[in-house]
Every structure is written in structure tokens, then in C-alpha cells.
Amino acid sequence: MKLRVINPNTTASMTALIGEAARAVAAPGTLIEAVQPTFGAPSIEGHHDDVWAAAGVAEQVRLGEAAGADAHIIACFGDPGLHGARELARGPVIGIAEAAFHAASLLATGFSVVTTLTRTCVIAEHLVVQYGFERRCRGIHGTDIAVLELEDPASNAFARILACAEQALVNDRSGAIVLGCAGMADLCHTLQQRLGVPVVDGVAAAVKLAEGLVSLGLGTSKRGDYALPLAKTYAGLAAPYSPK
């Protein structure tokens, strides 16, 4: 089984971290290919970044389909380009936010999200509503840690995320924590030990969901809105990505 894990930003060190997190939970025989777009932003921290990230995801899904990927994972908590990617792919396409919400809802009656910049909380709020988890998500909390600061020991990121999660558990009366950034994947295990509740990393959850769906022989429906894109000629920058 080949899973293509797409980091929608262009920071190679984060792509490597995400790949390691995916391989740590993958089953024997599952090949993890961690990739990133050839263009776009170094981190996804707002709606404008998200637009370019979605285009980068489409680029990488097209390449993955040509290379025989069995499934694709969008390793950004905004799930950029998810629906467009599902049009392009015959196998499953899973965003880490949707995967994490599903996993957390199976482990606790309510969960809290701890993410990076406060300005991105509204993006997560939109996804909670879109995916139908309004009754299960009890709060979304920004730590105001920039995405790339997660890799900087001087940012004291772990302690700040831990403190935010502890407060969220009390204030939200939740029973699980969802990590709201793929760049937090390497903190998951230690946070769970310290907090004493389930801590869900969307990268790991998405890998296991993708493996399960592929094993069941299930792929993205090609009926209705997820049918393959209509053939047409795109203009300008988009010309190389014209559906055929």
C-alpha cells in the first residue's frame, strides 16, 4: 500500500517531520511518501496561504495519481483543497482535521482543539461546522505559536501547548485534546503522558483511516460532486493543471 502524505507548505524540515510521524504508525508494508508542493507558502497561517496550499495539494495529488498512490493525506489542519483533491483521486483523500475530529469523538464525549495562531482558530471553527462536530468540539484554543516556531527550541512550544491544553480541559470540560497543526505531531505522545487524556494527532489518525479504507477496497465516489473534473483548458498560471 502506498500513501502519499502531502505537507501543503514548502518547508522541507516540516515535511520530514510529518513523514516520520506517519511512518511511526504505519502498518508493515505501507509505504509512506511525504511530499510538498513545488510552490506556495512556507507555512499555512491564514486564508490567503490556504488558497495557495489548496493549489499545491492539487498539484501533488495529480502527481500521486500518476505514480499509483493508493490514498492521499492532506497534512495541514485547515484541510486545504480537500474537495478538489477528492475530485482528482480515485482512492481515499483524508484531511488531518477531519480525521482527528472523528478519532477524538470515538474517545470522549467532548474534545478541545489546541492550535497555533489565534487567527487560525476561525478556520478550524469553519471545519467543525462543515464536518458536523459542533456538539463534540467544546473549544478551539490558539497558543499564538507560529507554525515554524514549533521547530525552534527557543519558542518553548511544548510548555506553551501543554499549558493551553491543561486550561482547555478544565474550562471546556472536555475529555480529549486534538492537536491543531501537523507540526505538533512529534509532541503527541509526551503530551498524552502529561495530560492523562487521549491526545489526537491528525497525521497519525489519517494514516490509520487511509490504511483501513484501502484495505476495505474503498475509494472516493466518482458519482456526483466528486466525479473527475470536467475537461477544459485553464489559462495562465493554471494552464499546466488543465483537466483532461
Protein backbone atom coordinates (compact mmCIF):
# COMPACT_ATOMS: atom_id res chain seq x y z
CA MET A 1 0.00 0.00 0.00
CA LYS A 2 1.33 3.43 -0.94
CA LEU A 3 0.14 6.50 0.97
CA ARG A 4 1.11 9.95 -0.27
CA VAL A 5 1.29 12.36 2.66
CA ILE A 6 1.18 15.95 1.45
CA ASN A 7 2.55 18.81 3.52
CA PRO A 8 0.85 21.77 1.79
CA ASN A 9 3.61 24.21 2.76
CA THR A 10 7.09 24.37 1.25
CA THR A 11 9.20 23.86 4.39
CA ALA A 12 11.21 20.69 3.84
CA SER A 13 12.05 20.14 7.51
CA MET A 14 8.34 20.05 8.37
CA THR A 15 7.68 17.63 5.51
CA ALA A 16 10.34 15.36 7.00
CA LEU A 17 8.79 15.59 10.49
CA ILE A 18 5.36 14.76 9.11
CA GLY A 19 6.78 11.81 7.19
CA GLU A 20 8.41 10.45 10.35
CA ALA A 21 5.15 10.77 12.27
CA ALA A 22 3.27 8.93 9.53
CA ARG A 23 5.82 6.12 9.30
CA ALA A 24 5.78 5.67 13.08
CA VAL A 25 2.18 4.43 12.98
CA ALA A 26 2.01 2.88 9.51
CA ALA A 27 1.50 -0.85 9.22
CA PRO A 28 4.26 -3.11 7.90
CA GLY A 29 4.11 -2.99 4.12
CA THR A 30 2.69 0.53 3.98
CA LEU A 31 4.94 2.87 2.03
CA ILE A 32 4.75 6.48 3.18
CA GLU A 33 5.75 9.09 0.62
CA ALA A 34 5.99 12.51 2.27
CA VAL A 35 5.90 15.34 -0.27
CA GLN A 36 5.33 19.08 -0.55
CA PRO A 37 4.27 21.40 -3.40
CA THR A 38 6.80 22.96 -5.74
CA PHE A 39 5.30 26.38 -4.98
CA GLY A 40 3.44 28.15 -2.19
CA ALA A 41 3.94 29.49 1.32
CA PRO A 42 6.47 28.26 3.92
CA SER A 43 3.62 27.91 6.45
CA ILE A 44 -0.18 27.96 6.29
CA GLU A 45 -1.47 30.60 8.70
CA GLY A 46 -4.46 32.27 7.08
CA HIS A 47 -6.96 32.27 4.25
CA HIS A 48 -4.54 33.64 1.64
CA ASP A 49 -1.94 30.97 2.46
CA ASP A 50 -4.74 28.42 2.28
CA VAL A 51 -5.57 29.33 -1.33
CA TRP A 52 -2.04 28.58 -2.49
CA ALA A 53 -1.88 25.49 -0.30
CA ALA A 54 -5.01 24.12 -1.98
CA ALA A 55 -3.41 24.57 -5.40
CA GLY A 56 -0.27 22.84 -4.15
CA VAL A 57 -2.32 19.93 -2.86
CA ALA A 58 -3.97 19.58 -6.28
CA GLU A 59 -0.53 19.52 -7.89
CA GLN A 60 0.67 16.74 -5.59
CA VAL A 61 -2.49 14.66 -5.87
CA ARG A 62 -2.21 14.75 -9.66
CA LEU A 63 1.38 13.50 -9.36
CA GLY A 64 0.35 10.88 -6.82
CA GLU A 65 -2.39 9.54 -9.06
CA ALA A 66 0.11 9.21 -11.90
CA ALA A 67 2.54 7.40 -9.58
CA GLY A 68 -0.06 4.91 -8.36
CA ALA A 69 -0.73 6.20 -4.84
CA ASP A 70 -3.48 4.23 -3.09
CA ALA A 71 -4.53 7.17 -0.92
CA HIS A 72 -3.61 10.77 -0.14
CA ILE A 73 -3.39 12.58 3.19
CA ILE A 74 -3.52 16.38 3.46
CA ALA A 75 -1.22 17.15 6.38
CA CYS A 76 -2.41 20.64 7.30
CA PHE A 77 -5.12 21.26 9.89
CA GLY A 78 -7.05 23.54 7.55
CA ASP A 79 -7.54 20.57 5.18
CA PRO A 80 -6.77 22.87 2.21
CA GLY A 81 -8.05 21.72 -1.16
CA LEU A 82 -9.72 18.62 0.27
CA HIS A 83 -12.76 18.56 -2.00
CA GLY A 84 -10.79 19.37 -5.14
CA ALA A 85 -8.33 16.63 -4.24
CA ARG A 86 -11.16 14.14 -3.90
CA GLU A 87 -12.31 15.01 -7.42
CA LEU A 88 -8.85 14.18 -8.72
CA ALA A 89 -8.25 10.98 -6.75
CA ARG A 90 -9.80 7.55 -7.11
CA GLY A 91 -8.54 6.37 -3.73
CA PRO A 92 -9.37 7.97 -0.36
CA VAL A 93 -8.23 11.52 0.39
CA ILE A 94 -8.19 12.36 4.08
CA GLY A 95 -7.57 15.70 5.74
CA ILE A 96 -5.94 15.56 9.15
CA ALA A 97 -8.53 17.82 10.80
CA GLU A 98 -11.45 15.64 9.72
CA ALA A 99 -9.53 12.50 10.73
CA ALA A 100 -8.68 13.94 14.15
CA PHE A 101 -12.26 15.04 14.84
CA HIS A 102 -13.57 11.57 14.04
CA ALA A 103 -10.94 9.87 16.19
CA ALA A 104 -11.47 12.18 19.16
CA SER A 105 -15.25 11.74 19.00
CA LEU A 106 -14.76 7.99 19.46
CA LEU A 107 -12.64 8.52 22.58
CA ALA A 108 -14.50 11.22 24.51
CA THR A 109 -17.92 12.86 24.59
CA GLY A 110 -16.25 16.22 24.03
CA PHE A 111 -12.85 17.37 22.80
CA SER A 112 -10.84 20.59 22.64
CA VAL A 113 -8.54 21.74 19.86
CA VAL A 114 -5.18 23.33 20.66
CA THR A 115 -3.67 25.04 17.66
CA THR A 116 -1.05 27.61 16.66
CA LEU A 117 -2.03 31.22 15.93
CA THR A 118 -5.29 32.52 17.34
CA ARG A 119 -6.13 33.99 13.94
CA THR A 120 -6.41 30.45 12.55
CA CYS A 121 -8.99 29.35 15.12
CA VAL A 122 -11.82 30.58 12.89
CA ILE A 123 -10.62 28.26 10.11
CA ALA A 124 -10.88 25.32 12.50
CA GLU A 125 -14.30 26.55 13.60
CA HIS A 126 -15.49 26.50 9.99
CA LEU A 127 -14.27 22.91 9.62
CA VAL A 128 -16.00 21.80 12.83
CA VAL A 129 -19.29 23.06 11.39
CA GLN A 130 -18.61 21.70 7.90
CA TYR A 131 -17.86 18.23 9.27
CA GLY A 132 -20.77 18.26 11.74
CA PHE A 133 -18.84 18.16 15.02
CA GLU A 134 -20.42 21.22 16.68
CA ARG A 135 -21.78 19.11 19.54
CA ARG A 136 -18.50 17.33 20.20
CA CYS A 137 -15.96 20.13 19.89
CA ARG A 138 -16.10 22.18 23.09
CA GLY A 139 -13.43 24.73 22.31
CA ILE A 140 -10.68 25.83 19.93
CA HIS A 141 -7.67 27.49 21.51
CA GLY A 142 -4.77 29.34 19.91
CA THR A 143 -1.35 29.33 21.55
CA ASP A 144 -0.04 32.14 19.31
CA ILE A 145 2.93 29.99 18.37
CA ALA A 146 3.78 30.49 14.69
CA VAL A 147 3.92 27.23 12.73
CA LEU A 148 7.66 27.44 12.06
CA GLU A 149 8.34 28.29 15.71
CA LEU A 150 7.34 24.72 16.55
CA GLU A 151 10.78 23.67 15.29
CA ASP A 152 12.61 26.29 17.36
CA PRO A 153 13.56 25.14 20.90
CA ALA A 154 13.74 28.77 21.97
CA SER A 155 10.00 29.16 21.39
CA ASN A 156 9.23 26.94 24.42
CA ALA A 157 6.46 25.48 22.29
CA PHE A 158 5.89 22.28 24.27
CA ALA A 159 5.37 24.08 27.58
CA ARG A 160 3.01 26.60 25.99
CA ILE A 161 0.96 23.90 24.26
CA LEU A 162 0.82 21.86 27.46
CA ALA A 163 -0.40 24.85 29.49
CA CYS A 164 -3.04 25.68 26.90
CA ALA A 165 -4.26 22.07 26.80
CA GLU A 166 -4.46 21.86 30.59
CA GLN A 167 -6.58 25.00 30.71
CA ALA A 168 -8.78 23.79 27.85
CA LEU A 169 -9.55 20.51 29.60
CA VAL A 170 -10.74 22.38 32.68
CA ASN A 171 -12.57 25.27 31.04
CA ASP A 172 -14.21 23.24 28.28
CA ARG A 173 -14.91 20.18 30.46
CA SER A 174 -13.55 18.08 27.60
CA GLY A 175 -12.07 14.61 27.71
CA ALA A 176 -9.59 14.68 24.84
CA ILE A 177 -7.25 17.08 23.06
CA VAL A 178 -6.88 17.43 19.29
CA LEU A 179 -3.59 18.93 18.11
CA GLY A 180 -4.39 21.59 15.55
CA CYS A 181 -1.22 21.51 13.45
CA ALA A 182 0.70 18.77 11.65
CA GLY A 183 3.88 20.34 13.02
CA MET A 184 2.81 19.24 16.52
CA ALA A 185 2.83 15.55 15.61
CA ASP A 186 6.09 14.78 17.42
CA LEU A 187 4.69 16.22 20.68
CA CYS A 188 1.63 13.98 20.82
CA HIS A 189 2.93 11.07 22.90
CA THR A 190 4.58 13.21 25.57
CA LEU A 191 1.55 15.49 25.84
CA GLN A 192 -0.70 12.47 26.35
CA GLN A 193 1.52 11.21 29.15
CA ARG A 194 1.49 14.60 30.87
CA LEU A 195 -2.21 15.31 30.42
CA GLY A 196 -3.56 11.85 31.20
CA VAL A 197 -6.21 12.06 28.44
CA PRO A 198 -6.27 10.99 24.78
CA VAL A 199 -4.27 13.39 22.60
CA VAL A 200 -5.03 13.00 18.90
CA ASP A 201 -2.54 13.86 16.18
CA GLY A 202 -4.36 14.14 12.88
CA VAL A 203 -1.42 12.82 10.84
CA ALA A 204 -1.42 9.51 12.70
CA ALA A 205 -5.22 9.29 12.67
CA ALA A 206 -5.34 9.96 8.93
CA VAL A 207 -2.74 7.27 8.18
CA LYS A 208 -4.71 4.61 10.03
CA LEU A 209 -8.01 5.68 8.45
CA ALA A 210 -6.44 5.64 5.00
CA GLU A 211 -4.98 2.19 5.57
CA GLY A 212 -8.34 0.91 6.73
CA LEU A 213 -10.27 2.28 3.78
CA VAL A 214 -7.75 1.00 1.24
CA SER A 215 -7.76 -2.43 2.92
CA LEU A 216 -11.52 -2.49 2.60
CA GLY A 217 -11.23 -1.75 -1.10
CA LEU A 218 -12.96 1.61 -0.71
CA GLY A 219 -12.15 4.75 -2.67
CA THR A 220 -13.62 8.17 -3.34
CA SER A 221 -17.02 8.06 -5.02
CA LYS A 222 -16.89 9.22 -8.62
CA ARG A 223 -20.61 9.96 -8.71
CA GLY A 224 -21.87 13.49 -8.18
CA ASP A 225 -19.63 16.31 -7.00
CA TYR A 226 -16.55 14.07 -6.56
CA ALA A 227 -16.67 12.91 -10.18
CA LEU A 228 -13.47 13.53 -12.10
CA PRO A 229 -13.04 17.22 -13.11
CA LEU A 230 -14.58 18.22 -16.42
CA ALA A 231 -12.07 18.50 -19.24
CA LYS A 232 -11.29 22.11 -20.07
CA THR A 233 -8.34 24.38 -20.77
CA TYR A 234 -7.16 26.54 -17.89
CA ALA A 235 -5.42 29.86 -18.52
CA GLY A 236 -2.22 31.49 -17.30
CA LEU A 237 -0.58 30.03 -14.20
CA ALA A 238 -3.18 27.26 -14.07
CA ALA A 239 -2.64 26.05 -17.63
CA PRO A 240 -0.42 23.06 -16.71
CA TYR A 241 -3.19 21.77 -14.43
CA SER A 242 -5.97 21.68 -17.02
CA PRO A 243 -8.16 18.58 -16.54
CA LYS A 244 -8.03 16.15 -19.45
